[in-house]
C-alpha cells in the first residue's frame, strides 16, 4: 500500500527500496513496491482518470494492487 500513496520519480524507487531492504524488508514486498509504486502514484491516478474515465481508472488501480500483491507474495514465498 506504500506504493499507492507515494510518488516515485523515475529511477528513484530503486535506491529507496534498497534502503528498505537493508533495514530488513523482505524481497517479496520489495518487488511489490517496485511493481506498484510507479503505476499507482497520485499523478498517474489523475492522468489515467482523465484519459480513460473514473470507472476504468478505479479498475486499473484495483487490478494493479491485486496483481502486484499476488506477484510479490508468490515471489517472496516460492521463488526466494
Protein backbone atom coordinates (compact mmCIF):
# COMPACT_ATOMS: atom_id res chain seq x y z
CA UNK A 1 0.00 0.00 0.00
CA UNK A 2 3.00 2.30 0.30
CA UNK A 3 3.31 2.33 -3.47
CA UNK A 4 -0.27 3.51 -3.79
CA UNK A 5 0.20 6.66 -1.74
CA UNK A 6 3.78 7.63 -2.51
CA UNK A 7 5.23 9.28 -5.56
CA UNK A 8 8.48 7.98 -7.01
CA UNK A 9 10.20 9.84 -9.81
CA UNK A 10 11.79 7.66 -12.46
CA UNK A 11 14.68 5.59 -11.09
CA UNK A 12 14.34 6.90 -7.53
CA UNK A 13 12.38 3.90 -6.32
CA UNK A 14 15.39 1.56 -6.64
CA UNK A 15 17.58 3.33 -4.03
CA UNK A 16 14.54 3.74 -1.78
CA UNK A 17 13.73 0.01 -1.92
CA UNK A 18 17.41 -0.85 -1.49
CA UNK A 19 17.49 1.16 1.73
CA UNK A 20 14.31 -0.52 2.97
CA UNK A 21 15.80 -3.95 2.21
CA UNK A 22 18.92 -3.05 4.19
CA UNK A 23 16.58 -2.20 7.07
CA UNK A 24 15.01 -5.66 6.88
CA UNK A 25 12.29 -5.52 4.23
CA UNK A 26 11.66 -8.85 2.51
CA UNK A 27 12.26 -9.40 -1.19
CA UNK A 28 8.59 -10.10 -1.93
CA UNK A 29 7.32 -6.80 -0.52
CA UNK A 30 10.24 -5.01 -2.18
CA UNK A 31 9.22 -6.42 -5.56
CA UNK A 32 5.63 -5.39 -4.92
CA UNK A 33 6.72 -1.84 -4.14
CA UNK A 34 8.83 -1.70 -7.31
CA UNK A 35 5.95 -3.00 -9.42
CA UNK A 36 3.17 -0.88 -7.96
CA UNK A 37 4.97 2.33 -6.99
CA UNK A 38 5.29 3.95 -10.42
CA UNK A 39 1.87 2.84 -11.64
CA UNK A 40 -0.07 3.85 -8.55
CA UNK A 41 1.26 7.30 -7.77
CA UNK A 42 -1.30 10.06 -7.40
CA UNK A 43 -0.21 11.88 -10.60
CA UNK A 44 -0.72 8.64 -12.56
CA UNK A 45 -4.14 8.13 -10.97
CA UNK A 46 -5.20 11.59 -12.10
CA UNK A 47 -3.83 11.16 -15.63
CA UNK A 48 -5.46 7.75 -16.08
CA UNK A 49 -8.75 9.07 -14.75
CA UNK A 50 -8.72 11.98 -17.19
CA UNK A 51 -7.81 9.84 -20.20
CA UNK A 52 -9.92 6.73 -19.58
CA UNK A 53 -12.59 7.95 -17.18
CA UNK A 54 -13.13 7.40 -13.48
CA UNK A 55 -14.57 3.87 -13.62
CA UNK A 56 -11.75 2.49 -15.76
CA UNK A 57 -9.20 4.23 -13.55
CA UNK A 58 -10.66 2.52 -10.48
CA UNK A 59 -10.50 -0.87 -12.23
CA UNK A 60 -6.89 -0.15 -13.22
CA UNK A 61 -5.88 0.78 -9.66
CA UNK A 62 -7.59 -2.26 -8.14
CA UNK A 63 -6.02 -4.54 -10.75
CA UNK A 64 -2.52 -3.17 -10.12
CA UNK A 65 -2.92 -3.51 -6.35
CA UNK A 66 -4.19 -7.10 -6.56
CA UNK A 67 -1.70 -8.31 -9.18
CA UNK A 68 1.24 -6.52 -7.56
CA UNK A 69 0.39 -8.02 -4.18
CA UNK A 70 -0.04 -11.53 -5.62
CA UNK A 71 3.22 -11.37 -7.56
CA UNK A 72 5.11 -10.10 -4.51
CA UNK A 73 3.57 -12.77 -2.28
CA UNK A 74 4.34 -15.53 -4.79
CA UNK A 75 7.89 -14.25 -5.30
CA UNK A 76 8.54 -13.95 -1.57
CA UNK A 77 7.11 -17.35 -0.68
CA UNK A 78 8.00 -19.60 -3.60
CA UNK A 79 10.84 -18.08 -5.63
CA UNK A 80 13.19 -16.97 -2.87
